[in-house]
Amino acid sequence: MMPALRLLGLVIIGGLVTIGVMADQRERSIEELPSPVIATASDSRAGTWFCAGGSGSIGAATVGLEVVNAGLDDATVDVQVVQADTADGQRAEVVVPAASRVAVNLPQLAPEATWLGAIVESDNPDVVVEQTFDGLSGTDRAPCATTTGSALFAADGATRLLAEGESMTLVLMNPFQDDAIADVRFDADVGPDSIEAIVVPARRIVAIDVTEEVTVAARVHTSVEVTAGRLVANRLQVRNGTSVRGLAVTPLVQDGAVLSVIPIVATDSGLFDRIHVTNPSDEAAEVDLEIVTDGSVTLDPVELTIRAGRTVVVDVAVESRLAALPEFSVIARSLTGQPVAVAVERRVELGGDLVAGTAAMGALDAAASEWIVASDGNVAELSVVNPLADTSAVVELWRVGGEGETLLSSIDLAPGRRQALVAPDLDARDILRVRATSPVVVGRASAGFTSRQMLGGVIADGVVLLDQFD
């Protein structure tokens, strides 16, 4: 067994503070919260956004929110803040003008809080909520979830604090009004370990300092089994070494899937991508990683056998047959039928021609005919994957602005192919819609001046669970 659990923060929601207009609203009971949609990919139609959050104003990953309105009418959202140091939390009403975005400074609402998260409620299907993070090692961005899970997975992490400047924190949020209980298991290169029966109180956050729990590990894969209730969670990974420097905040993959898609993987010089596949079941899993290209080349899948409860890592840079592909997508297919959790981690080392940093994202378990994308970064790549084996898709890229929507580009995407969506005048902060004649998967990667990001798009309409294609 491990040493006593180190709880970095307990957060509770309550109180009332308003941005702009006072909001006199009662707390909603757990029965009134929307039921989870089938897919765990974020869906703008769900109405409730669970933002597991990060640190306060003086932490390694100061969290904020960005509320994006991809519609042509003003929208109002209710932000329920969770905070670390008092049970008297705060609540705010935020008005977001049409075709614009509004930043919500959570630490300003609760300046004494050590750990912060939020629940955001909206009745407008054009609204998207994302988390922003700022720390000494870099910046990052992550989607807020629109579902909760009973099994959560963090694909990678490291805790070599003294040697490599690496630290890792798990932030668990219970957005409901009954306590949740979870078991956390670590599969690390220094050996497996676990923490049993962690209580996450109703409408609170528990932060676990993994650096203290699993010390000097170069690789830590984490599984959270929720034995009572449901949770959402973020993994905060700081790397501050001599070769790699960056901040990556990644929502934990919920529940796993038989079929999922990583939209963006790269082998360009200087980019080091690793694909992580976790098998949480009690039996071995056979998994194929199908390589999806633009059609210029066809490759056999990467075949994996994953023991029960273990994680396999595929280092893309050392797979010689992938070297000819500067970028591609991956369809992860569990041939034996067990759901598996899949994620990609990107690292760019210091001293090269590319912007250094780290980024990560979980695979997406759904396709949709319409997606919303809130662009960010100086250099951005938007990729679309057609997971269907027998149906082509016409894919259109639209910009949402004050004057309405503008068509930027249109492509024909063959079955089982992927392609980058490009436009000559695409701006780094555009609000975009992707519309397709059949379900597709959308993701984006971007680089700023000092940091990197990888995210999926947000579903807006026409969602289909990828497992249904199998």
Protein backbone atom coordinates (compact mmCIF):
# COMPACT_ATOMS: atom_id res chain seq x y z
CA MET A 1 0.00 0.00 0.00
CA MET A 2 0.94 3.60 -0.48
CA PRO A 3 1.60 6.28 2.12
CA ALA A 4 -1.28 8.39 3.37
CA LEU A 5 -3.10 10.20 0.58
CA ARG A 6 -2.02 13.78 0.12
CA LEU A 7 -5.08 15.89 -0.67
CA LEU A 8 -4.03 19.17 -2.20
CA GLY A 9 -7.45 20.75 -2.04
CA LEU A 10 -11.11 20.32 -1.26
CA VAL A 11 -13.50 22.54 -3.18
CA ILE A 12 -17.16 23.23 -2.63
CA ILE A 13 -19.70 25.19 -4.63
CA GLY A 14 -21.97 27.76 -3.07
CA GLY A 15 -22.56 31.48 -2.66
CA LEU A 16 -23.52 33.99 -5.32
CA VAL A 17 -21.54 36.54 -7.29
CA THR A 18 -22.54 37.98 -10.65
CA ILE A 19 -20.64 39.45 -13.56
CA GLY A 20 -22.77 42.22 -14.99
CA VAL A 21 -26.21 41.24 -13.60
CA MET A 22 -27.07 39.64 -10.25
CA ALA A 23 -28.37 36.10 -10.67
CA ASP A 24 -30.86 35.05 -7.99
CA GLN A 25 -31.12 31.35 -8.76
CA ARG A 26 -31.52 28.28 -6.58
CA GLU A 27 -29.09 25.36 -6.61
CA ARG A 28 -30.18 22.58 -8.95
CA SER A 29 -30.65 19.11 -7.49
CA ILE A 30 -28.87 16.12 -8.95
CA GLU A 31 -32.13 14.94 -10.55
CA GLU A 32 -32.32 18.17 -12.53
CA LEU A 33 -28.84 17.88 -14.05
CA PRO A 34 -29.00 16.72 -17.68
CA SER A 35 -28.50 13.01 -18.22
CA PRO A 36 -25.17 12.12 -19.84
CA VAL A 37 -25.25 11.79 -23.63
CA ILE A 38 -24.00 8.55 -25.15
CA ALA A 39 -20.70 9.89 -26.46
CA THR A 40 -18.08 11.27 -24.07
CA ALA A 41 -16.78 13.74 -26.67
CA SER A 42 -17.89 17.26 -25.68
CA ASP A 43 -21.32 18.16 -27.11
CA SER A 44 -22.58 21.76 -27.18
CA ARG A 45 -26.21 20.60 -27.00
CA ALA A 46 -25.79 18.98 -23.57
CA GLY A 47 -26.41 22.22 -21.64
CA THR A 48 -24.10 21.51 -18.69
CA TRP A 49 -20.30 21.77 -18.86
CA PHE A 50 -18.09 20.15 -16.20
CA CYS A 51 -14.72 21.92 -15.97
CA ALA A 52 -12.49 19.90 -13.64
CA GLY A 53 -10.12 22.87 -13.38
CA GLY A 54 -6.62 23.52 -12.10
CA SER A 55 -4.75 25.68 -9.65
CA GLY A 56 -5.46 29.13 -8.30
CA SER A 57 -3.58 32.31 -9.08
CA ILE A 58 -0.24 31.18 -7.63
CA GLY A 59 -0.24 27.54 -8.78
CA ALA A 60 1.49 25.68 -11.59
CA ALA A 61 -1.58 25.77 -13.87
CA THR A 62 -3.77 28.78 -13.12
CA VAL A 63 -7.18 27.99 -14.55
CA GLY A 64 -9.64 30.22 -16.34
CA LEU A 65 -12.59 29.69 -18.64
CA GLU A 66 -13.33 30.86 -22.14
CA VAL A 67 -16.99 30.85 -23.12
CA VAL A 68 -17.40 30.86 -26.90
CA ASN A 69 -20.64 31.81 -28.65
CA ALA A 70 -20.71 30.35 -32.17
CA GLY A 71 -24.23 31.64 -32.74
CA LEU A 72 -25.64 34.82 -34.20
CA ASP A 73 -27.57 35.84 -31.07
CA ASP A 74 -26.30 36.81 -27.61
CA ALA A 75 -26.11 34.03 -25.02
CA THR A 76 -26.15 33.94 -21.22
CA VAL A 77 -24.48 31.24 -19.11
CA ASP A 78 -24.40 30.52 -15.40
CA VAL A 79 -20.95 29.78 -13.92
CA GLN A 80 -20.84 27.93 -10.60
CA VAL A 81 -17.33 28.25 -9.22
CA VAL A 82 -15.67 25.58 -7.09
CA GLN A 83 -12.88 26.72 -4.79
CA ALA A 84 -10.38 25.34 -2.31
CA ASP A 85 -10.39 27.44 0.82
CA THR A 86 -13.98 28.11 1.77
CA ALA A 87 -17.38 26.50 1.63
CA ASP A 88 -18.82 29.89 0.67
CA GLY A 89 -18.18 29.62 -3.06
CA GLN A 90 -19.25 31.95 -5.83
CA ARG A 91 -21.61 32.03 -8.78
CA ALA A 92 -21.75 34.34 -11.79
CA GLU A 93 -23.94 35.10 -14.76
CA VAL A 94 -21.98 35.83 -17.94
CA VAL A 95 -23.37 37.39 -21.10
CA VAL A 96 -21.55 36.37 -24.30
CA PRO A 97 -22.28 38.51 -27.38
CA ALA A 98 -23.02 36.82 -30.69
CA ALA A 99 -20.01 35.40 -32.59
CA SER A 100 -17.57 36.24 -29.81
CA ARG A 101 -15.79 34.84 -26.75
CA VAL A 102 -15.60 35.96 -23.14
CA ALA A 103 -12.84 35.04 -20.70
CA VAL A 104 -13.87 34.21 -17.12
CA ASN A 105 -11.11 34.82 -14.58
CA LEU A 106 -11.88 32.19 -11.98
CA PRO A 107 -9.09 33.19 -9.54
CA GLN A 108 -10.46 36.72 -9.57
CA LEU A 109 -13.79 35.37 -8.37
CA ALA A 110 -12.06 33.37 -5.62
CA PRO A 111 -8.63 34.94 -5.04
CA GLU A 112 -7.74 32.81 -2.00
CA ALA A 113 -8.52 29.46 -3.63
CA THR A 114 -5.75 26.92 -4.14
CA TRP A 115 -7.69 24.69 -6.59
CA LEU A 116 -10.57 25.78 -8.81
CA GLY A 117 -13.11 24.20 -11.11
CA ALA A 118 -16.54 25.15 -12.40
CA ILE A 119 -19.90 23.92 -13.61
CA VAL A 120 -21.28 26.04 -16.46
CA GLU A 121 -24.92 25.85 -17.49
CA SER A 122 -26.31 27.09 -20.79
CA ASP A 123 -29.53 26.53 -22.70
CA ASN A 124 -27.90 27.70 -25.95
CA PRO A 125 -26.56 24.92 -28.24
CA ASP A 126 -24.18 27.39 -29.90
CA VAL A 127 -22.16 27.88 -26.69
CA VAL A 128 -18.83 26.08 -26.11
CA VAL A 129 -16.90 26.19 -22.82
CA GLU A 130 -13.16 25.50 -22.61
CA GLN A 131 -10.59 25.69 -19.82
CA THR A 132 -7.44 27.79 -20.16
CA PHE A 133 -4.28 27.27 -18.12
CA ASP A 134 -1.26 29.48 -17.45
CA GLY A 135 1.89 28.54 -15.57
CA LEU A 136 5.61 29.21 -15.42
CA SER A 137 6.24 26.25 -17.75
CA GLY A 138 3.73 27.32 -20.42
CA THR A 139 0.07 27.58 -21.28
CA ASP A 140 -2.56 25.10 -22.36
CA ARG A 141 -6.21 24.73 -23.24
CA ALA A 142 -8.62 21.86 -22.66
CA PRO A 143 -12.31 21.21 -23.32
CA CYS A 144 -14.78 21.09 -20.49
CA ALA A 145 -16.66 17.79 -20.40
CA THR A 146 -20.36 17.39 -21.04
CA THR A 147 -20.48 13.91 -19.48
CA THR A 148 -19.17 12.28 -16.33
CA GLY A 149 -17.59 8.84 -16.02
CA SER A 150 -17.34 5.82 -13.77
CA ALA A 151 -13.89 4.88 -15.12
CA LEU A 152 -11.27 7.53 -15.93
CA PHE A 153 -7.81 7.17 -17.47
CA ALA A 154 -4.72 9.41 -17.62
CA ALA A 155 -2.54 7.91 -20.33
CA ASP A 156 0.82 9.33 -19.33
CA GLY A 157 2.68 11.29 -16.70
CA ALA A 158 6.06 11.70 -15.04
CA THR A 159 7.25 12.63 -11.53
CA ARG A 160 11.05 13.01 -11.73
CA LEU A 161 10.90 16.36 -9.94
CA LEU A 162 14.55 16.82 -8.97
CA ALA A 163 16.19 15.26 -12.02
CA GLU A 164 13.87 16.48 -14.81
CA GLY A 165 11.60 19.10 -13.25
CA GLU A 166 8.55 16.88 -13.78
CA SER A 167 5.46 17.00 -11.57
CA MET A 168 1.98 15.55 -11.98
CA THR A 169 -1.34 16.28 -10.28
CA LEU A 170 -4.77 14.69 -10.66
CA VAL A 171 -7.80 16.91 -10.11
CA LEU A 172 -11.02 14.98 -9.45
CA MET A 173 -14.38 16.78 -9.57
CA ASN A 174 -17.68 15.49 -8.22
CA PRO A 175 -20.37 17.81 -9.65
CA PHE A 176 -23.28 16.01 -8.00
CA GLN A 177 -24.98 16.28 -4.63
CA ASP A 178 -23.98 12.88 -3.26
CA ASP A 179 -20.46 11.87 -2.26
CA ALA A 180 -18.41 9.82 -4.72
CA ILE A 181 -15.85 7.12 -3.91
CA ALA A 182 -12.97 6.14 -6.18
CA ASP A 183 -9.98 3.79 -6.29
CA VAL A 184 -6.88 5.14 -8.06
CA ARG A 185 -4.31 2.77 -9.56
CA PHE A 186 -0.89 3.73 -10.90
CA ASP A 187 0.98 1.67 -13.51
CA ALA A 188 4.49 3.16 -13.37
CA ASP A 189 7.96 2.15 -14.51
CA VAL A 190 8.96 2.12 -10.82
CA GLY A 191 6.19 -0.38 -10.06
CA PRO A 192 2.40 -0.50 -9.67
CA ASP A 193 0.59 1.00 -6.71
CA SER A 194 -2.86 2.19 -5.67
CA ILE A 195 -4.92 4.38 -3.37
CA GLU A 196 -8.18 2.87 -2.20
CA ALA A 197 -11.53 4.44 -1.34
CA ILE A 198 -10.87 8.13 -1.96
CA VAL A 199 -13.94 10.12 -0.96
CA VAL A 200 -14.74 13.04 -3.26
CA PRO A 201 -17.41 14.98 -1.36
CA ALA A 202 -20.54 16.23 -3.10
CA ARG A 203 -19.84 19.22 -5.35
CA ARG A 204 -16.18 19.33 -4.40
CA ILE A 205 -12.77 18.78 -5.91
CA VAL A 206 -9.98 16.58 -4.61
CA ALA A 207 -6.47 17.18 -5.96
CA ILE A 208 -3.91 14.37 -5.64
CA ASP A 209 -0.19 15.16 -5.79
CA VAL A 210 1.01 12.18 -7.83
CA THR A 211 4.59 13.46 -7.57
CA GLU A 212 4.46 12.64 -3.86
CA GLU A 213 2.53 9.39 -4.26
CA VAL A 214 4.63 7.84 -7.06
CA THR A 215 8.09 9.35 -6.87
CA VAL A 216 10.84 9.52 -9.54
CA ALA A 217 8.75 7.82 -12.22
CA ALA A 218 9.52 8.42 -15.90
CA ARG A 219 6.16 6.92 -16.85
CA VAL A 220 2.92 6.90 -14.85
CA HIS A 221 -0.37 5.65 -16.28
CA THR A 222 -3.37 6.24 -14.02
CA SER A 223 -6.76 4.53 -13.80
CA VAL A 224 -9.59 5.88 -11.64
CA GLU A 225 -12.39 3.43 -10.86
CA VAL A 226 -15.41 5.22 -9.42
CA THR A 227 -17.18 2.75 -7.14
CA ALA A 228 -19.92 5.19 -6.08
CA GLY A 229 -21.10 8.19 -8.08
CA ARG A 230 -19.50 9.67 -11.20
CA LEU A 231 -16.58 12.07 -11.72
CA VAL A 232 -14.68 14.19 -14.21
CA ALA A 233 -10.96 14.80 -13.90
CA ASN A 234 -7.92 16.60 -15.32
CA ARG A 235 -4.28 15.57 -15.35
CA LEU A 236 -1.83 18.46 -14.80
CA GLN A 237 1.64 17.60 -16.11
CA VAL A 238 4.54 20.05 -15.72
CA ARG A 239 7.86 19.42 -17.48
CA ASN A 240 10.61 21.89 -16.66
CA GLY A 241 13.83 20.13 -17.60
CA THR A 242 16.85 21.00 -19.69
CA SER A 243 15.47 19.36 -22.86
CA VAL A 244 11.68 19.64 -22.51
CA ARG A 245 9.64 22.45 -21.02
CA GLY A 246 5.88 22.67 -21.07
CA LEU A 247 2.50 22.48 -19.36
CA ALA A 248 -0.05 19.90 -20.52
CA VAL A 249 -3.48 19.78 -18.88
CA THR A 250 -5.55 16.92 -20.24
CA PRO A 251 -9.05 15.70 -19.32
CA LEU A 252 -8.98 12.05 -18.34
CA VAL A 253 -10.49 9.70 -20.91
CA GLN A 254 -13.91 8.55 -19.72
CA ASP A 255 -14.87 4.87 -19.78
CA GLY A 256 -12.92 3.92 -22.92
CA ALA A 257 -14.34 2.78 -26.27
CA VAL A 258 -14.21 -0.14 -28.67
CA LEU A 259 -13.59 2.32 -31.52
CA SER A 260 -12.04 5.79 -31.20
CA VAL A 261 -10.10 8.28 -33.31
CA ILE A 262 -6.98 10.38 -32.81
CA PRO A 263 -7.35 13.07 -35.51
CA ILE A 264 -3.74 14.34 -35.53
CA VAL A 265 -0.48 12.41 -35.24
CA ALA A 266 2.82 13.61 -36.73
CA THR A 267 6.31 12.38 -37.54
CA ASP A 268 7.80 15.70 -38.69
CA SER A 269 11.37 16.30 -37.62
CA GLY A 270 11.39 17.65 -34.08
CA LEU A 271 7.92 16.34 -33.18
CA PHE A 272 7.79 13.33 -30.87
CA ASP A 273 4.31 11.79 -30.65
CA ARG A 274 3.46 8.78 -28.52
CA ILE A 275 0.16 6.88 -28.58
CA HIS A 276 -0.97 5.31 -25.29
CA VAL A 277 -3.53 2.51 -25.18
CA THR A 278 -4.86 1.30 -21.80
CA ASN A 279 -6.75 -1.96 -21.34
CA PRO A 280 -8.76 -1.64 -18.09
CA SER A 281 -10.44 -5.04 -18.41
CA ASP A 282 -9.60 -8.31 -16.67
CA GLU A 283 -8.60 -10.03 -19.92
CA ALA A 284 -6.00 -9.34 -22.60
CA ALA A 285 -7.12 -7.08 -25.46
CA GLU A 286 -6.16 -7.24 -29.13
CA VAL A 287 -6.11 -3.71 -30.56
CA ASP A 288 -5.37 -2.48 -34.08
CA LEU A 289 -4.17 1.09 -34.63
CA GLU A 290 -5.33 1.75 -38.18
CA ILE A 291 -3.26 4.37 -40.01
CA VAL A 292 -5.51 6.88 -41.79
CA THR A 293 -3.90 8.99 -44.53
CA ASP A 294 -4.98 11.28 -47.34
CA GLY A 295 -4.86 8.32 -49.72
CA SER A 296 -1.31 8.83 -50.96
CA VAL A 297 -0.15 5.68 -49.15
CA THR A 298 -1.78 2.70 -47.47
CA LEU A 299 -0.21 1.01 -44.45
CA ASP A 300 -1.09 -2.05 -42.41
CA PRO A 301 -2.30 -1.35 -38.87
CA VAL A 302 -0.08 -1.40 -35.82
CA GLU A 303 -1.13 -4.58 -33.99
CA LEU A 304 -1.10 -4.56 -30.19
CA THR A 305 -1.70 -7.18 -27.53
CA ILE A 306 -2.34 -5.48 -24.19
CA ARG A 307 -2.39 -7.42 -20.95
CA ALA A 308 -5.21 -6.92 -18.47
CA GLY A 309 -4.91 -3.65 -16.60
CA ARG A 310 -1.84 -2.51 -18.51
CA THR A 311 -0.89 0.25 -20.96
CA VAL A 312 1.08 -0.06 -24.20
CA VAL A 313 2.97 2.92 -25.62
CA VAL A 314 3.66 3.30 -29.35
CA ASP A 315 6.54 5.69 -30.03
CA VAL A 316 5.68 7.03 -33.46
CA ALA A 317 9.19 8.39 -34.08
CA VAL A 318 10.74 4.92 -33.94
CA GLU A 319 8.16 3.24 -36.17
CA SER A 320 10.16 3.21 -39.41
CA ARG A 321 7.17 2.50 -41.65
CA LEU A 322 5.49 5.69 -40.43
CA ALA A 323 8.51 7.88 -41.19
CA ALA A 324 7.28 8.70 -44.71
CA LEU A 325 4.08 10.21 -43.30
CA PRO A 326 4.53 13.77 -42.00
CA GLU A 327 1.07 13.52 -40.41
CA PHE A 328 -1.80 11.08 -40.23
CA SER A 329 -4.76 10.02 -38.07
CA VAL A 330 -5.36 6.83 -36.11
CA ILE A 331 -8.47 4.71 -35.67
CA ALA A 332 -8.06 2.53 -32.58
CA ARG A 333 -10.13 -0.63 -32.86
CA SER A 334 -10.47 -3.21 -30.06
CA LEU A 335 -10.76 -6.51 -31.92
CA THR A 336 -11.68 -8.45 -28.77
CA GLY A 337 -14.50 -6.08 -27.86
CA GLN A 338 -13.22 -4.60 -24.59
CA PRO A 339 -13.34 -0.79 -24.34
CA VAL A 340 -9.82 0.68 -24.28
CA ALA A 341 -8.66 4.21 -23.41
CA VAL A 342 -6.51 5.86 -26.08
CA ALA A 343 -4.57 9.14 -26.01
CA VAL A 344 -1.70 10.88 -27.79
CA GLU A 345 1.10 12.87 -26.15
CA ARG A 346 3.28 15.32 -28.13
CA ARG A 347 6.71 16.59 -27.10
CA VAL A 348 8.91 19.15 -28.85
CA GLU A 349 12.33 19.63 -27.32
CA LEU A 350 14.10 22.90 -26.66
CA GLY A 351 16.76 24.17 -29.05
CA GLY A 352 15.15 23.21 -32.35
CA ASP A 353 13.45 25.19 -35.10
CA LEU A 354 9.93 24.39 -33.86
CA VAL A 355 8.10 25.93 -30.92
CA ALA A 356 9.04 23.78 -27.93
CA GLY A 357 6.46 22.41 -25.54
CA THR A 358 4.15 19.54 -24.71
CA ALA A 359 0.53 18.75 -25.54
CA ALA A 360 -1.89 15.84 -25.23
CA MET A 361 -5.44 14.80 -26.02
CA GLY A 362 -7.67 11.77 -25.59
CA ALA A 363 -9.10 9.96 -28.57
CA LEU A 364 -12.64 10.90 -29.61
CA ASP A 365 -15.37 8.27 -29.40
CA ALA A 366 -17.93 9.92 -31.70
CA ALA A 367 -18.37 11.35 -35.17
CA ALA A 368 -20.77 14.14 -36.08
CA SER A 369 -22.08 16.05 -39.06
CA GLU A 370 -21.36 19.43 -37.42
CA TRP A 371 -18.58 20.61 -35.12
CA ILE A 372 -17.61 23.90 -33.45
CA VAL A 373 -13.94 24.86 -33.17
CA ALA A 374 -12.59 27.82 -31.17
CA SER A 375 -9.23 28.48 -32.82
CA ASP A 376 -6.23 29.48 -30.73
CA GLY A 377 -2.50 29.86 -31.38
CA ASN A 378 -0.28 31.40 -34.04
CA VAL A 379 0.11 28.24 -36.12
CA ALA A 380 -2.97 26.03 -36.20
CA GLU A 381 -3.85 22.79 -37.98
CA LEU A 382 -7.44 21.61 -38.33
CA SER A 383 -7.88 18.00 -39.43
CA VAL A 384 -10.97 16.01 -40.37
CA VAL A 385 -11.30 12.21 -40.53
CA ASN A 386 -13.95 10.22 -42.36
CA PRO A 387 -14.35 7.01 -40.29
CA LEU A 388 -16.92 5.48 -42.65
CA ALA A 389 -15.74 2.66 -44.89
CA ASP A 390 -18.24 3.15 -47.72
CA THR A 391 -19.46 6.76 -47.71
CA SER A 392 -17.73 9.93 -48.92
CA ALA A 393 -18.33 13.24 -47.17
CA VAL A 394 -18.45 16.78 -48.47
CA VAL A 395 -16.87 18.84 -45.68
CA GLU A 396 -17.28 22.61 -45.42
CA LEU A 397 -15.36 25.03 -43.19
CA TRP A 398 -17.30 28.14 -42.09
CA ARG A 399 -16.20 31.21 -40.13
CA VAL A 400 -18.67 32.72 -37.66
CA GLY A 401 -18.41 36.51 -37.42
CA GLY A 402 -20.40 39.59 -36.60
CA GLU A 403 -21.78 39.73 -40.13
CA GLY A 404 -22.88 36.10 -40.11
CA GLU A 405 -21.24 32.94 -41.44
CA THR A 406 -18.72 32.85 -44.29
CA LEU A 407 -17.74 29.73 -46.24
CA LEU A 408 -13.94 29.40 -46.23
CA SER A 409 -13.35 26.08 -47.99
CA SER A 410 -14.95 22.83 -49.09
CA ILE A 411 -13.44 19.40 -49.72
CA ASP A 412 -14.57 15.94 -50.82
CA LEU A 413 -13.32 13.41 -48.28
CA ALA A 414 -13.19 9.79 -49.42
CA PRO A 415 -14.17 6.90 -47.11
CA GLY A 416 -11.52 6.03 -44.55
CA ARG A 417 -9.41 9.11 -45.34
CA ARG A 418 -8.25 12.24 -43.52
CA GLN A 419 -7.36 15.72 -44.69
CA ALA A 420 -6.35 19.09 -43.31
CA LEU A 421 -8.89 21.89 -43.61
CA VAL A 422 -7.16 25.01 -44.84
CA ALA A 423 -8.21 28.51 -45.84
CA PRO A 424 -5.99 31.36 -47.10
CA ASP A 425 -7.21 33.92 -44.57
CA LEU A 426 -7.75 31.74 -41.51
CA ASP A 427 -7.14 33.72 -38.33
CA ALA A 428 -5.67 32.31 -35.12
CA ARG A 429 -8.74 33.32 -33.08
CA ASP A 430 -11.52 32.47 -35.52
CA ILE A 431 -14.71 30.79 -34.36
CA LEU A 432 -15.31 28.01 -36.87
CA ARG A 433 -17.99 25.52 -37.82
CA VAL A 434 -17.28 22.32 -39.72
CA ARG A 435 -20.29 20.85 -41.55
CA ALA A 436 -20.30 17.53 -43.39
CA THR A 437 -22.79 15.48 -45.38
CA SER A 438 -21.98 12.41 -43.24
CA PRO A 439 -20.44 12.00 -39.79
CA VAL A 440 -16.74 12.95 -39.48
CA VAL A 441 -14.25 13.50 -36.64
CA VAL A 442 -12.54 16.88 -36.16
CA GLY A 443 -9.41 17.77 -34.18
CA ARG A 444 -6.89 20.55 -34.00
CA ALA A 445 -3.28 21.16 -33.01
CA SER A 446 -1.72 24.56 -32.54
CA ALA A 447 1.44 26.31 -31.46
CA GLY A 448 1.77 29.72 -29.85
CA PHE A 449 4.95 31.62 -29.08
CA THR A 450 6.00 29.32 -26.25
CA SER A 451 3.46 26.48 -25.93
CA ARG A 452 1.45 23.85 -27.81
CA GLN A 453 -2.11 22.52 -27.75
CA MET A 454 -4.01 19.47 -29.02
CA LEU A 455 -7.81 19.31 -28.77
CA GLY A 456 -10.82 17.75 -30.38
CA GLY A 457 -13.62 19.82 -31.80
CA VAL A 458 -16.96 20.15 -29.99
CA ILE A 459 -19.95 18.30 -31.39
CA ALA A 460 -22.79 20.57 -32.54
CA ASP A 461 -25.16 18.22 -34.39
CA GLY A 462 -25.61 14.79 -35.95
CA VAL A 463 -23.62 12.75 -33.40
CA VAL A 464 -22.99 9.02 -33.95
CA LEU A 465 -21.09 6.82 -31.52
CA LEU A 466 -18.11 5.35 -33.39
CA ASP A 467 -18.75 1.94 -31.81
CA GLN A 468 -21.90 1.80 -33.93
CA PHE A 469 -19.77 1.74 -37.09
CA ASP A 470 -17.98 -1.43 -36.01
